[in-house]
Amino acid sequence: MITYNNVVDFEGRILTSHNPKDIAQSICDSTINNKKNPHLQAAMSTINFYINRAGRNLSTEQKHVLVEAKEELRTIFKQQRNQNR
């Protein structure tokens, strides 16, 4: 497990995966289990933090995967919100 700023715990190196659904699900599972901030904002912040810190070292291809992962996160959280209604 890896911790970023004590906000989210998730599988190590998941942000380097080439599967946006795997990235989104791993981060989503971690934020749901986090009692301090189980929100979409925390999950999005995790991806944005990684993109910003990687900077020029992040390939265009991997950045595209991470942007797709953010879309997956929106879908997952929307589905969960609808289930809780």
C-alpha atoms as a PDB file:
ATOM      1  CA  MET A   1       0.000   0.000   0.000  1.00  0.00           C
ATOM      2  CA  ILE A   2       1.086   3.558  -0.673  1.00  0.00           C
ATOM      3  CA  THR A   3      -0.130   6.746   0.999  1.00  0.00           C
ATOM      4  CA  TYR A   4      -0.270  10.146  -0.667  1.00  0.00           C
ATOM      5  CA  ASN A   5      -0.550  12.946   1.899  1.00  0.00           C
ATOM      6  CA  ASN A   6      -2.461  10.649   4.277  1.00  0.00           C
ATOM      7  CA  VAL A   7      -5.486  11.009   2.003  1.00  0.00           C
ATOM      8  CA  VAL A   8      -5.699   7.819  -0.021  1.00  0.00           C
ATOM      9  CA  ASP A   9      -4.236   4.320   0.296  1.00  0.00           C
ATOM     10  CA  PHE A  10      -4.167   2.195  -2.840  1.00  0.00           C
ATOM     11  CA  GLU A  11      -2.194  -0.471  -4.619  1.00  0.00           C
ATOM     12  CA  GLY A  12       1.350   0.605  -5.326  1.00  0.00           C
ATOM     13  CA  ARG A  13       2.140   1.670  -8.885  1.00  0.00           C
ATOM     14  CA  ILE A  14      -1.532   1.530  -9.925  1.00  0.00           C
ATOM     15  CA  LEU A  15      -1.209   4.974 -11.513  1.00  0.00           C
ATOM     16  CA  THR A  16       1.278   3.543 -14.007  1.00  0.00           C
ATOM     17  CA  SER A  17      -1.262   0.984 -15.232  1.00  0.00           C
ATOM     18  CA  HIS A  18      -2.480   1.205 -18.818  1.00  0.00           C
ATOM     19  CA  ASN A  19      -6.055   0.307 -17.864  1.00  0.00           C
ATOM     20  CA  PRO A  20      -8.157   3.331 -16.810  1.00  0.00           C
ATOM     21  CA  LYS A  21     -10.833   1.122 -15.243  1.00  0.00           C
ATOM     22  CA  ASP A  22      -8.284  -0.569 -12.967  1.00  0.00           C
ATOM     23  CA  ILE A  23      -6.889   2.796 -11.903  1.00  0.00           C
ATOM     24  CA  ALA A  24     -10.333   4.234 -11.192  1.00  0.00           C
ATOM     25  CA  GLN A  25     -11.537   1.180  -9.285  1.00  0.00           C
ATOM     26  CA  SER A  26      -8.431   0.996  -7.107  1.00  0.00           C
ATOM     27  CA  ILE A  27      -8.581   4.675  -6.197  1.00  0.00           C
ATOM     28  CA  CYS A  28     -12.345   4.554  -5.731  1.00  0.00           C
ATOM     29  CA  ASP A  29     -12.112   1.580  -3.362  1.00  0.00           C
ATOM     30  CA  SER A  30      -9.474   3.406  -1.353  1.00  0.00           C
ATOM     31  CA  THR A  31     -11.432   6.655  -1.041  1.00  0.00           C
ATOM     32  CA  ILE A  32     -14.615   4.835  -0.034  1.00  0.00           C
ATOM     33  CA  ASN A  33     -12.743   3.132   2.803  1.00  0.00           C
ATOM     34  CA  ASN A  34     -11.264   6.440   3.921  1.00  0.00           C
ATOM     35  CA  LYS A  35     -13.567   7.825   6.584  1.00  0.00           C
ATOM     36  CA  LYS A  36     -12.030  11.322   6.447  1.00  0.00           C
ATOM     37  CA  ASN A  37     -12.887  12.130   2.835  1.00  0.00           C
ATOM     38  CA  PRO A  38     -14.776   9.458   0.881  1.00  0.00           C
ATOM     39  CA  HIS A  39     -15.598  11.740  -2.026  1.00  0.00           C
ATOM     40  CA  LEU A  40     -15.015  12.060  -5.718  1.00  0.00           C
ATOM     41  CA  GLN A  41     -12.902  15.133  -5.040  1.00  0.00           C
ATOM     42  CA  ALA A  42     -10.326  13.102  -3.087  1.00  0.00           C
ATOM     43  CA  ALA A  43     -10.109  10.539  -5.878  1.00  0.00           C
ATOM     44  CA  MET A  44      -9.713  13.200  -8.560  1.00  0.00           C
ATOM     45  CA  SER A  45      -7.111  15.001  -6.475  1.00  0.00           C
ATOM     46  CA  THR A  46      -5.046  11.830  -6.329  1.00  0.00           C
ATOM     47  CA  ILE A  47      -4.904  11.560 -10.119  1.00  0.00           C
ATOM     48  CA  ASN A  48      -4.308  15.286 -10.592  1.00  0.00           C
ATOM     49  CA  PHE A  49      -1.514  15.196  -8.004  1.00  0.00           C
ATOM     50  CA  TYR A  50       0.191  12.378  -9.916  1.00  0.00           C
ATOM     51  CA  ILE A  51      -0.202  14.141 -13.282  1.00  0.00           C
ATOM     52  CA  ASN A  52       1.214  17.381 -11.876  1.00  0.00           C
ATOM     53  CA  ARG A  53       4.139  15.701 -10.125  1.00  0.00           C
ATOM     54  CA  ALA A  54       5.061  13.579 -13.140  1.00  0.00           C
ATOM     55  CA  GLY A  55       5.124  16.679 -15.319  1.00  0.00           C
ATOM     56  CA  ARG A  56       7.132  16.304 -18.513  1.00  0.00           C
ATOM     57  CA  ASN A  57       8.176  12.781 -17.561  1.00  0.00           C
ATOM     58  CA  LEU A  58       4.592  11.587 -18.101  1.00  0.00           C
ATOM     59  CA  SER A  59       4.027  10.335 -21.631  1.00  0.00           C
ATOM     60  CA  THR A  60       1.110  11.652 -23.649  1.00  0.00           C
ATOM     61  CA  GLU A  61      -0.226   8.117 -23.803  1.00  0.00           C
ATOM     62  CA  GLN A  62      -0.176   7.666 -20.004  1.00  0.00           C
ATOM     63  CA  LYS A  63      -1.704  11.111 -19.441  1.00  0.00           C
ATOM     64  CA  HIS A  64      -4.554  10.099 -21.748  1.00  0.00           C
ATOM     65  CA  VAL A  65      -5.058   6.911 -19.685  1.00  0.00           C
ATOM     66  CA  LEU A  66      -5.208   8.983 -16.484  1.00  0.00           C
ATOM     67  CA  VAL A  67      -7.739  11.393 -18.007  1.00  0.00           C
ATOM     68  CA  GLU A  68      -9.859   8.374 -18.970  1.00  0.00           C
ATOM     69  CA  ALA A  69      -9.501   7.093 -15.396  1.00  0.00           C
ATOM     70  CA  LYS A  70     -10.966  10.373 -14.150  1.00  0.00           C
ATOM     71  CA  GLU A  71     -13.976   9.821 -16.410  1.00  0.00           C
ATOM     72  CA  GLU A  72     -14.320   6.292 -15.012  1.00  0.00           C
ATOM     73  CA  LEU A  73     -14.251   7.716 -11.478  1.00  0.00           C
ATOM     74  CA  ARG A  74     -17.102  10.075 -12.323  1.00  0.00           C
ATOM     75  CA  THR A  75     -19.098   7.133 -13.659  1.00  0.00           C
ATOM     76  CA  ILE A  76     -18.403   4.960 -10.611  1.00  0.00           C
ATOM     77  CA  PHE A  77     -19.308   7.678  -8.107  1.00  0.00           C
ATOM     78  CA  LYS A  78     -22.465   8.548 -10.072  1.00  0.00           C
ATOM     79  CA  GLN A  79     -23.549   4.884  -9.998  1.00  0.00           C
ATOM     80  CA  GLN A  80     -22.864   4.663  -6.262  1.00  0.00           C
ATOM     81  CA  ARG A  81     -24.807   7.844  -5.610  1.00  0.00           C
ATOM     82  CA  ASN A  82     -27.778   6.491  -7.554  1.00  0.00           C
ATOM     83  CA  GLN A  83     -27.661   3.206  -5.615  1.00  0.00           C
ATOM     84  CA  ASN A  84     -27.761   5.053  -2.291  1.00  0.00           C
ATOM     85  CA  ARG A  85     -30.964   6.863  -3.214  1.00  0.00           C
END
